[in-house]
Amino acid sequence: MPHDVIMPALGMAQETGKIVSWLKRPGDPVRLGEPIMEVETDKSTMEVEAQADGFLTRVSAEAGDEVPVGDVIAVIAETADDMSAPPTGGATPHEQDTREQKGLPTAPVAAAIPQGHDIIMPALGMAQDTGLIVTWRKTPGDKVSADDTLLEVETDKSVMEVPAGHDGYVAAILADAQTAVPVGSVIAVITHDKPSAPIQVSGPAPDREVQAAAPAVPKQAETQARASSAPPPSERTGRILVSPKARRLAHEEGLELSMLLASGTKQPFHTADLQTLRELATRAHHVEAIPEAKEPQALPDRTTAPATSALHIIARLSASGCESFIARMKAEGGIDITQDQIWLYFATGTLRRATTAKSRPLVVELRDEAQEKCRYLDADLTRLSKPTVAEDEDMPALIIRDFTASRISLVTSAATETPVLTIGRDNEALILSFDYREDQLGEVEALAFMTEFAERLADPLQSLI
């Protein structure tokens, strides 16, 4: 099925985007998550990734063009033969069907929408193709200022508040709460003058209707009513709802998201659900799941004897994320960053969030294959390129061992006094091995640490935005 490439909204109030360059040519094969073009924002130049496998076709904008957010500028087709020019006006049957499948206003509905400032679904991440509306903070007819929070949108990491971006009145709301909406789609309209009849578009396409806005109800009652009456998001949109990062990682590992759907896991799916998906795939196909951990064990009575069992978690990811980030920081900012500085920064911050050590100082030790070591204090709270060196007598909460320059790609350790994270390399992949004892970390904490650390290492730039 063809996949439209739209000009994404990379900022809250962005109306157009400038194409800096195309990284792929018409007819070139592309893969999900592969950069296809560079777009200039008000802060920097960002890469936009392909949202499907296929061939880049029907490119309608050139480098240097300013393109309205939401406009289709190319198509990722199943074959390289679809090189016909994109339509210049009106919705094609394919586009009309796509709008209905995604729960967007179709042509008859759109005709009733008032004219004003269009509010679009922003792209809050580089690999995001949809946004899940968690809740509307304003109702049709409400007066808003540009800085007022209009709605909350869920990303792969958290729930973000989206400001109105314009002073005026909410004249129309075009998507229900708990609905996944494609990036760049118009979801509301703000007018300068108070609307005489504000509207709200509701109901699943193609049976959705334009309705006069209902009288305001208390927020708690509204939330309860939506929760009791709204069908699951997948029934309204006809698709599996999943965060962009989780979709990309599942694709890279060859995991079928439909297995999560069949298991009854609540949508939308996030990266934390991938562990469940790996376990489902393991049972179904009898293959090794990564990351892997021993079955939960009852914690021993620490008043009588210390725990000594060594537990291991192993993960594998592409090394290209770190390499691209290092090259980009050098080229665009003249900043020299080493890979172990990236590991140090992310590991310290991730360990702080995954454990109860949120406020106390955290010391992390770096070791190379020759066991040369240096300790750093609260590296996540300092500049990435200039971590603070700790005193040698400060005991580390974590040891990071670098084996990427050796022939050793995977090392697991026996029980030690400090958890150990070993990083090796196998061609273009990084191999992460985390060794800890059950009296140091619980299994939930350890899995949370490794999951987030691997995700951040896979895309350092996105993690820092």
Protein backbone atom coordinates (compact mmCIF):
# COMPACT_ATOMS: atom_id res chain seq x y z
CA MET A 1 0.00 0.00 0.00
CA PRO A 2 1.44 3.43 -0.91
CA HIS A 3 2.60 5.58 2.01
CA ASP A 4 2.41 9.37 1.71
CA VAL A 5 5.47 11.38 2.73
CA ILE A 6 4.24 14.63 4.25
CA MET A 7 6.01 17.75 5.40
CA PRO A 8 6.17 17.12 9.16
CA ALA A 9 5.54 19.66 11.89
CA LEU A 10 8.75 19.79 13.88
CA GLY A 11 7.64 22.69 16.07
CA MET A 12 4.51 23.63 17.94
CA ALA A 13 3.61 26.66 15.78
CA GLN A 14 5.28 25.63 12.53
CA GLU A 15 3.23 26.22 9.38
CA THR A 16 5.83 25.45 6.71
CA GLY A 17 9.07 23.53 6.42
CA LYS A 18 12.06 24.14 4.15
CA ILE A 19 13.55 21.14 2.37
CA VAL A 20 17.31 21.46 2.75
CA SER A 21 18.18 18.37 0.73
CA TRP A 22 16.87 14.99 -0.39
CA LEU A 23 19.01 12.12 0.86
CA LYS A 24 17.33 9.71 -1.56
CA ARG A 25 16.55 10.11 -5.26
CA PRO A 26 13.27 9.21 -6.98
CA GLY A 27 13.22 5.46 -7.55
CA ASP A 28 15.69 4.69 -4.77
CA PRO A 29 14.77 1.88 -2.34
CA VAL A 30 14.18 3.02 1.25
CA ARG A 31 13.71 1.20 4.53
CA LEU A 32 11.65 2.04 7.58
CA GLY A 33 13.58 4.47 9.79
CA GLU A 34 16.09 5.40 7.06
CA PRO A 35 16.62 9.19 6.58
CA ILE A 36 15.19 10.37 3.26
CA MET A 37 15.44 14.17 3.50
CA GLU A 38 16.62 17.07 5.66
CA VAL A 39 14.18 19.73 6.82
CA GLU A 40 15.10 23.08 8.36
CA THR A 41 13.37 24.16 11.58
CA ASP A 42 13.72 27.41 13.49
CA LYS A 43 16.56 25.85 15.50
CA SER A 44 18.46 23.41 13.31
CA THR A 45 18.36 21.04 10.37
CA MET A 46 16.72 17.71 11.15
CA GLU A 47 16.58 14.43 9.26
CA VAL A 48 13.16 13.00 8.38
CA GLU A 49 12.91 9.24 8.27
CA ALA A 50 10.93 6.92 6.02
CA GLN A 51 7.84 5.50 7.69
CA ALA A 52 7.66 2.37 5.53
CA ASP A 53 9.74 0.07 3.33
CA GLY A 54 9.48 0.61 -0.43
CA PHE A 55 10.67 2.95 -3.16
CA LEU A 56 10.71 6.75 -3.13
CA THR A 57 8.43 7.97 -5.91
CA ARG A 58 6.30 10.95 -7.00
CA VAL A 59 8.60 13.57 -5.46
CA SER A 60 6.87 16.94 -5.91
CA ALA A 61 9.17 19.36 -4.04
CA GLU A 62 12.82 20.24 -4.52
CA ALA A 63 15.62 21.26 -2.18
CA GLY A 64 15.11 24.88 -1.14
CA ASP A 65 11.29 24.74 -1.40
CA GLU A 66 9.12 26.00 1.46
CA VAL A 67 6.29 23.48 1.83
CA PRO A 68 3.15 23.84 4.00
CA VAL A 69 3.05 21.39 6.89
CA GLY A 70 0.89 18.39 6.06
CA ASP A 71 1.37 18.61 2.27
CA VAL A 72 2.24 15.36 0.50
CA ILE A 73 5.67 15.80 -1.10
CA ALA A 74 6.42 12.20 -2.11
CA VAL A 75 5.09 8.66 -1.96
CA ILE A 76 6.79 5.48 -0.75
CA ALA A 77 5.42 2.89 -3.17
CA GLU A 78 5.75 -0.87 -3.36
CA THR A 79 7.58 -0.64 -6.69
CA ALA A 80 9.90 1.90 -8.30
CA ASP A 81 7.57 2.16 -11.33
CA ASP A 82 5.03 4.51 -9.71
CA MET A 83 6.67 7.72 -10.95
CA SER A 84 3.56 9.62 -12.01
CA ALA A 85 3.17 13.18 -10.75
CA PRO A 86 1.26 13.66 -7.51
CA PRO A 87 -2.22 15.22 -7.76
CA THR A 88 -2.27 19.02 -7.66
CA GLY A 89 -5.76 19.50 -6.31
CA GLY A 90 -8.57 17.57 -4.66
CA ALA A 91 -8.41 14.24 -2.94
CA THR A 92 -7.80 11.13 -4.96
CA PRO A 93 -9.79 7.99 -4.12
CA HIS A 94 -6.70 6.61 -2.39
CA GLU A 95 -6.30 9.79 -0.31
CA GLN A 96 -10.01 9.87 0.49
CA ASP A 97 -9.95 6.24 1.64
CA THR A 98 -6.82 6.94 3.69
CA ARG A 99 -8.48 9.89 5.42
CA GLU A 100 -11.45 7.72 6.32
CA GLN A 101 -9.24 4.92 7.62
CA LYS A 102 -7.34 7.38 9.79
CA GLY A 103 -10.46 9.01 11.18
CA LEU A 104 -9.95 12.43 9.54
CA PRO A 105 -12.63 14.77 8.16
CA THR A 106 -13.65 13.75 4.65
CA ALA A 107 -14.64 16.24 1.96
CA PRO A 108 -18.32 16.73 2.98
CA VAL A 109 -17.31 17.25 6.61
CA ALA A 110 -14.41 19.56 5.77
CA ALA A 111 -16.76 21.90 3.93
CA ALA A 112 -18.46 22.80 7.22
CA ILE A 113 -15.23 23.63 9.08
CA PRO A 114 -14.81 27.38 9.76
CA GLN A 115 -11.89 29.34 8.36
CA GLY A 116 -9.12 30.35 10.76
CA HIS A 117 -5.75 29.23 12.06
CA ASP A 118 -5.37 25.49 11.47
CA ILE A 119 -3.88 23.57 14.42
CA ILE A 120 -2.04 20.50 13.20
CA MET A 121 -0.85 17.34 14.89
CA PRO A 122 2.83 18.14 15.56
CA ALA A 123 5.71 15.71 15.17
CA LEU A 124 7.19 15.47 18.66
CA GLY A 125 9.84 12.98 17.51
CA MET A 126 11.83 12.44 14.34
CA ALA A 127 10.35 8.99 13.63
CA GLN A 128 6.79 9.88 14.62
CA ASP A 129 4.06 9.40 12.03
CA THR A 130 1.03 9.68 14.33
CA GLY A 131 0.19 11.32 17.63
CA LEU A 132 -2.29 10.01 20.20
CA ILE A 133 -4.54 12.72 21.58
CA VAL A 134 -4.71 12.02 25.31
CA THR A 135 -7.15 14.79 26.20
CA TRP A 136 -8.39 18.17 25.04
CA ARG A 137 -7.74 20.89 27.62
CA LYS A 138 -10.03 23.36 25.83
CA THR A 139 -13.54 22.92 24.43
CA PRO A 140 -15.17 24.45 21.33
CA GLY A 141 -15.99 28.10 21.98
CA ASP A 142 -13.30 28.60 24.63
CA LYS A 143 -11.14 31.72 24.48
CA VAL A 144 -7.42 30.92 24.30
CA SER A 145 -4.12 32.71 24.22
CA ALA A 146 -1.13 31.50 22.22
CA ASP A 147 0.56 30.02 25.30
CA ASP A 148 -2.51 28.23 26.65
CA THR A 149 -2.35 24.42 26.59
CA LEU A 150 -4.83 23.26 23.96
CA LEU A 151 -4.39 19.49 24.22
CA GLU A 152 -2.09 16.72 25.47
CA VAL A 153 -0.40 14.37 23.00
CA GLU A 154 1.31 11.11 23.88
CA THR A 155 4.78 10.41 22.46
CA ASP A 156 6.95 7.32 22.86
CA LYS A 157 8.45 8.79 26.02
CA SER A 158 5.82 10.90 27.80
CA VAL A 159 2.67 13.00 27.51
CA MET A 160 3.40 16.45 26.08
CA GLU A 161 1.31 19.61 26.36
CA VAL A 162 0.65 21.32 23.02
CA PRO A 163 -0.01 25.08 23.14
CA ALA A 164 -2.67 26.79 21.06
CA GLY A 165 -0.11 28.86 19.19
CA HIS A 166 -2.62 31.65 18.43
CA ASP A 167 -4.80 34.08 20.34
CA GLY A 168 -8.52 33.70 19.68
CA TYR A 169 -11.32 31.21 20.13
CA VAL A 170 -11.53 27.47 19.59
CA ALA A 171 -13.95 27.31 16.67
CA ALA A 172 -13.63 23.61 15.84
CA ILE A 173 -12.20 20.40 17.27
CA LEU A 174 -11.71 17.80 14.54
CA ALA A 175 -10.49 14.69 16.38
CA ASP A 176 -11.65 12.84 19.48
CA ALA A 177 -9.53 12.26 22.56
CA GLN A 178 -7.86 8.83 22.58
CA THR A 179 -7.57 8.98 18.77
CA ALA A 180 -4.28 8.46 16.90
CA VAL A 181 -3.96 11.17 14.25
CA PRO A 182 -1.34 11.37 11.46
CA VAL A 183 1.30 14.06 11.88
CA GLY A 184 0.43 17.20 9.90
CA SER A 185 -3.34 16.62 10.00
CA VAL A 186 -5.57 19.52 11.04
CA ILE A 187 -7.05 18.73 14.45
CA ALA A 188 -8.55 22.08 15.43
CA VAL A 189 -9.27 25.58 14.18
CA ILE A 190 -8.76 28.82 16.11
CA THR A 191 -10.50 31.99 14.89
CA HIS A 192 -9.89 35.62 15.79
CA ASP A 193 -13.56 36.32 16.48
CA LYS A 194 -15.78 34.32 18.79
CA PRO A 195 -17.64 31.71 16.71
CA SER A 196 -21.41 31.85 16.70
CA ALA A 197 -21.68 28.09 16.38
CA PRO A 198 -18.47 26.24 17.37
CA ILE A 199 -18.37 22.67 16.12
CA GLN A 200 -16.90 19.35 17.11
CA VAL A 201 -16.34 16.49 14.68
CA SER A 202 -16.90 13.15 16.37
CA GLY A 203 -17.60 9.54 15.59
CA PRO A 204 -15.69 6.96 13.53
CA ALA A 205 -15.19 7.66 9.81
CA PRO A 206 -16.98 7.49 7.42
CA ASP A 207 -20.06 7.98 9.64
CA ARG A 208 -18.64 10.92 11.60
CA GLU A 209 -20.75 14.02 11.86
CA VAL A 210 -20.27 17.73 12.40
CA GLN A 211 -22.09 18.59 15.61
CA ALA A 212 -22.75 21.77 17.50
CA ALA A 213 -20.46 21.76 20.50
CA ALA A 214 -22.16 20.28 23.55
CA PRO A 215 -22.43 22.33 26.75
CA ALA A 216 -19.35 22.11 28.90
CA VAL A 217 -19.36 19.39 31.55
CA PRO A 218 -17.06 18.93 34.53
CA LYS A 219 -13.68 17.52 33.50
CA GLN A 220 -14.07 14.42 35.71
CA ALA A 221 -17.52 13.61 34.32
CA GLU A 222 -16.28 14.14 30.75
CA THR A 223 -13.34 11.79 31.30
CA GLN A 224 -15.56 9.11 32.82
CA ALA A 225 -18.06 9.40 29.96
CA ARG A 226 -15.33 9.02 27.33
CA ALA A 227 -13.77 6.07 29.14
CA SER A 228 -17.09 4.23 29.40
CA SER A 229 -18.40 4.88 25.89
CA ALA A 230 -15.39 5.18 23.58
CA PRO A 231 -14.40 2.04 21.66
CA PRO A 232 -10.76 0.91 21.73
CA PRO A 233 -8.46 3.12 19.58
CA SER A 234 -7.78 0.26 17.16
CA GLU A 235 -11.51 -0.09 16.42
CA ARG A 236 -11.80 3.62 15.64
CA THR A 237 -8.71 3.86 13.42
CA GLY A 238 -8.53 0.37 11.94
CA ARG A 239 -4.84 0.08 12.82
CA ILE A 240 -2.53 -0.99 15.62
CA LEU A 241 -1.58 2.00 17.78
CA VAL A 242 2.10 1.97 18.64
CA SER A 243 4.72 4.59 19.44
CA PRO A 244 7.12 5.36 16.56
CA LYS A 245 10.16 4.08 18.43
CA ALA A 246 8.44 0.84 19.42
CA ARG A 247 7.31 0.33 15.82
CA ARG A 248 10.84 0.86 14.51
CA LEU A 249 12.46 -1.46 17.06
CA ALA A 250 9.87 -4.17 16.45
CA HIS A 251 10.51 -3.89 12.71
CA GLU A 252 14.29 -4.13 13.18
CA GLU A 253 13.91 -7.26 15.34
CA GLY A 254 11.34 -8.89 13.05
CA LEU A 255 8.63 -8.88 15.73
CA GLU A 256 4.93 -8.96 14.85
CA LEU A 257 2.96 -6.32 16.75
CA SER A 258 -0.22 -8.27 16.06
CA MET A 259 0.96 -10.78 18.68
CA LEU A 260 0.65 -8.06 21.34
CA LEU A 261 -2.80 -7.25 20.06
CA ALA A 262 -3.86 -10.90 20.27
CA SER A 263 -2.46 -11.17 23.82
CA GLY A 264 -4.79 -8.44 25.06
CA THR A 265 -2.02 -5.92 25.83
CA LYS A 266 -3.51 -2.46 26.14
CA GLN A 267 -2.94 -0.03 23.27
CA PRO A 268 -1.13 2.13 22.38
CA PHE A 269 1.98 -0.06 22.57
CA HIS A 270 5.26 1.41 23.84
CA THR A 271 8.86 0.29 23.97
CA ALA A 272 8.25 -1.23 27.41
CA ASP A 273 5.79 -3.64 25.77
CA LEU A 274 8.51 -5.02 23.48
CA GLN A 275 9.80 -7.25 26.27
CA THR A 276 6.37 -8.88 26.43
CA LEU A 277 6.42 -9.18 22.65
CA ARG A 278 9.85 -10.84 22.71
CA GLU A 279 8.61 -13.36 25.26
CA LEU A 280 5.54 -14.09 23.12
CA ALA A 281 7.76 -14.58 20.07
CA THR A 282 10.06 -16.87 22.05
CA ARG A 283 7.23 -19.12 23.12
CA ALA A 284 5.72 -19.14 19.63
CA HIS A 285 8.89 -19.67 17.59
CA HIS A 286 11.33 -21.15 20.14
CA VAL A 287 13.98 -18.52 19.47
CA GLU A 288 16.21 -16.69 21.90
CA ALA A 289 14.72 -13.43 23.19
CA ILE A 290 16.88 -10.35 23.63
CA PRO A 291 17.15 -8.84 26.19
CA GLU A 292 17.16 -11.98 28.28
CA ALA A 293 16.87 -12.28 32.03
CA LYS A 294 16.43 -15.13 34.45
CA GLU A 295 12.99 -15.83 35.82
CA PRO A 296 12.13 -13.68 38.85
CA GLN A 297 13.44 -15.15 42.06
CA ALA A 298 12.28 -14.54 45.57
CA LEU A 299 14.65 -12.14 47.32
CA PRO A 300 16.56 -13.76 50.18
CA ASP A 301 16.28 -12.72 53.79
CA ARG A 302 19.11 -10.17 53.87
CA THR A 303 19.18 -10.26 57.65
CA THR A 304 20.55 -13.78 57.58
CA ALA A 305 22.65 -14.10 54.43
CA PRO A 306 23.73 -11.88 51.53
CA ALA A 307 22.51 -12.67 48.03
CA THR A 308 25.27 -13.76 45.67
CA SER A 309 23.43 -14.97 42.56
CA ALA A 310 24.71 -13.26 39.41
CA LEU A 311 21.98 -12.19 36.97
CA HIS A 312 22.52 -11.17 33.36
CA ILE A 313 20.68 -9.13 30.73
CA ILE A 314 21.94 -8.97 27.16
CA ALA A 315 20.87 -6.57 24.40
CA ARG A 316 22.00 -5.88 20.83
CA LEU A 317 21.62 -2.67 18.80
CA SER A 318 23.09 -0.89 15.82
CA ALA A 319 26.23 1.18 16.42
CA SER A 320 25.23 3.67 13.71
CA GLY A 321 23.24 5.86 16.09
CA CYS A 322 26.27 6.79 18.20
CA GLU A 323 28.54 7.11 15.18
CA SER A 324 26.15 9.46 13.37
CA PHE A 325 25.69 11.57 16.48
CA ILE A 326 29.45 11.92 17.05
CA ALA A 327 30.00 12.90 13.40
CA ARG A 328 27.14 15.40 13.47
CA MET A 329 28.34 17.11 16.67
CA LYS A 330 31.78 17.48 15.09
CA ALA A 331 30.51 18.75 11.73
CA GLU A 332 27.81 21.15 12.96
CA GLY A 333 29.13 22.32 16.31
CA GLY A 334 32.85 21.60 16.24
CA ILE A 335 32.37 19.50 19.40
CA ASP A 336 34.51 16.40 19.91
CA ILE A 337 32.62 13.66 21.75
CA THR A 338 33.77 10.11 22.35
CA GLN A 339 31.50 7.08 22.49
CA ASP A 340 32.34 6.39 26.12
CA GLN A 341 31.21 9.91 27.04
CA ILE A 342 27.83 9.12 25.48
CA TRP A 343 27.64 5.84 27.41
CA LEU A 344 28.60 7.60 30.64
CA TYR A 345 26.01 10.36 30.20
CA PHE A 346 23.10 8.07 29.32
CA ALA A 347 23.98 5.29 31.77
CA THR A 348 24.16 7.68 34.74
CA GLY A 349 20.85 9.36 33.93
CA THR A 350 19.12 6.08 33.18
CA LEU A 351 20.38 4.47 36.39
CA ARG A 352 19.18 7.48 38.35
CA ARG A 353 15.66 7.10 36.95
CA ALA A 354 15.53 3.31 37.19
CA THR A 355 16.59 3.11 40.84
CA THR A 356 15.86 4.86 44.09
CA ALA A 357 19.10 6.85 43.84
CA LYS A 358 17.36 9.88 42.33
CA SER A 359 18.82 12.53 44.61
CA ARG A 360 22.10 11.22 45.96
CA PRO A 361 25.35 11.70 44.00
CA LEU A 362 26.00 8.95 41.46
CA VAL A 363 29.53 7.83 40.62
CA VAL A 364 30.08 5.73 37.49
CA GLU A 365 33.44 4.17 36.59
CA LEU A 366 34.73 3.73 33.04
CA ARG A 367 37.21 0.94 32.25
CA ASP A 368 38.87 0.03 28.98
CA GLU A 369 39.99 -3.48 28.00
CA ALA A 370 43.32 -2.90 29.74
CA GLN A 371 41.38 -2.16 32.97
CA GLU A 372 42.51 1.48 32.99
CA LYS A 373 39.78 3.26 34.91
CA CYS A 374 38.42 6.68 35.79
CA ARG A 375 35.42 7.62 37.94
CA TYR A 376 32.94 10.41 37.19
CA LEU A 377 30.44 12.19 39.43
CA ASP A 378 26.85 12.87 38.29
CA ALA A 379 27.81 12.77 34.60
CA ASP A 380 24.16 13.23 33.55
CA LEU A 381 24.06 16.62 35.30
CA THR A 382 27.12 18.03 33.51
CA ARG A 383 28.01 18.82 29.90
CA LEU A 384 28.09 15.72 27.73
CA SER A 385 31.62 16.48 26.48
CA LYS A 386 33.03 17.51 29.90
CA PRO A 387 32.00 15.11 32.68
CA THR A 388 33.21 15.82 36.22
CA VAL A 389 35.97 13.51 37.46
CA ALA A 390 35.25 11.96 40.88
CA GLU A 391 37.71 11.12 43.62
CA ASP A 392 39.24 7.64 43.45
CA GLU A 393 37.92 6.78 46.89
CA ASP A 394 34.30 7.46 45.81
CA MET A 395 32.65 4.07 45.38
CA PRO A 396 30.95 3.65 41.99
CA ALA A 397 27.29 2.69 41.63
CA LEU A 398 28.05 1.22 38.18
CA ILE A 399 31.10 0.07 36.22
CA ILE A 400 31.14 0.43 32.41
CA ARG A 401 33.68 -1.74 30.57
CA ASP A 402 34.63 -0.89 26.99
CA PHE A 403 35.53 -3.91 24.82
CA THR A 404 34.64 -2.34 21.46
CA ALA A 405 38.29 -2.15 20.37
CA SER A 406 38.99 -5.79 21.14
CA ARG A 407 38.01 -9.08 19.54
CA ILE A 408 35.77 -9.83 22.51
CA SER A 409 32.14 -8.99 21.74
CA LEU A 410 30.35 -10.44 24.77
CA VAL A 411 31.40 -10.79 28.40
CA THR A 412 29.35 -11.82 31.43
CA SER A 413 30.70 -11.58 34.94
CA ALA A 414 30.31 -13.38 38.21
CA ALA A 415 28.77 -11.64 41.21
CA THR A 416 30.64 -8.42 42.05
CA GLU A 417 30.22 -5.66 44.60
CA THR A 418 29.08 -3.25 41.85
CA PRO A 419 26.80 -3.83 38.83
CA VAL A 420 28.84 -4.07 35.61
CA LEU A 421 27.78 -2.95 32.12
CA THR A 422 30.06 -4.38 29.43
CA ILE A 423 29.89 -2.99 25.89
CA GLY A 424 31.39 -4.99 23.04
CA ARG A 425 31.11 -4.82 19.27
CA ASP A 426 30.18 -7.34 16.61
CA ASN A 427 30.74 -5.74 13.19
CA GLU A 428 28.06 -3.00 12.98
CA ALA A 429 26.31 -3.92 16.23
CA LEU A 430 26.91 -3.04 19.86
CA ILE A 431 26.48 -5.89 22.35
CA LEU A 432 25.39 -4.80 25.84
CA SER A 433 25.83 -7.18 28.76
CA PHE A 434 24.57 -6.12 32.18
CA ASP A 435 25.63 -8.15 35.24
CA TYR A 436 24.16 -7.52 38.67
CA ARG A 437 23.12 -9.25 41.87
CA GLU A 438 19.61 -9.47 43.20
CA ASP A 439 20.63 -7.65 46.37
CA GLN A 440 21.81 -4.70 44.23
CA LEU A 441 18.88 -4.26 41.84
CA GLY A 442 15.45 -5.77 41.45
CA GLU A 443 14.62 -7.39 38.13
CA VAL A 444 12.13 -4.65 37.24
CA GLU A 445 14.75 -1.95 37.91
CA ALA A 446 17.43 -3.80 35.93
CA LEU A 447 15.17 -4.35 32.92
CA ALA A 448 14.06 -0.72 33.02
CA PHE A 449 17.69 0.41 33.10
CA MET A 450 18.76 -1.76 30.17
CA THR A 451 15.68 -1.04 28.05
CA GLU A 452 15.99 2.74 28.34
CA PHE A 453 19.78 2.75 27.99
CA ALA A 454 19.63 0.69 24.76
CA GLU A 455 16.87 2.92 23.34
CA ARG A 456 18.77 6.12 24.08
CA LEU A 457 21.99 4.69 22.67
CA ALA A 458 20.20 3.73 19.45
CA ASP A 459 19.23 7.37 18.80
CA PRO A 460 21.27 9.79 20.96
CA LEU A 461 20.11 12.93 19.18
CA GLN A 462 16.44 12.16 19.65
CA SER A 463 17.07 11.35 23.33
CA LEU A 464 18.63 14.78 23.88
CA ILE A 465 15.91 16.80 22.11
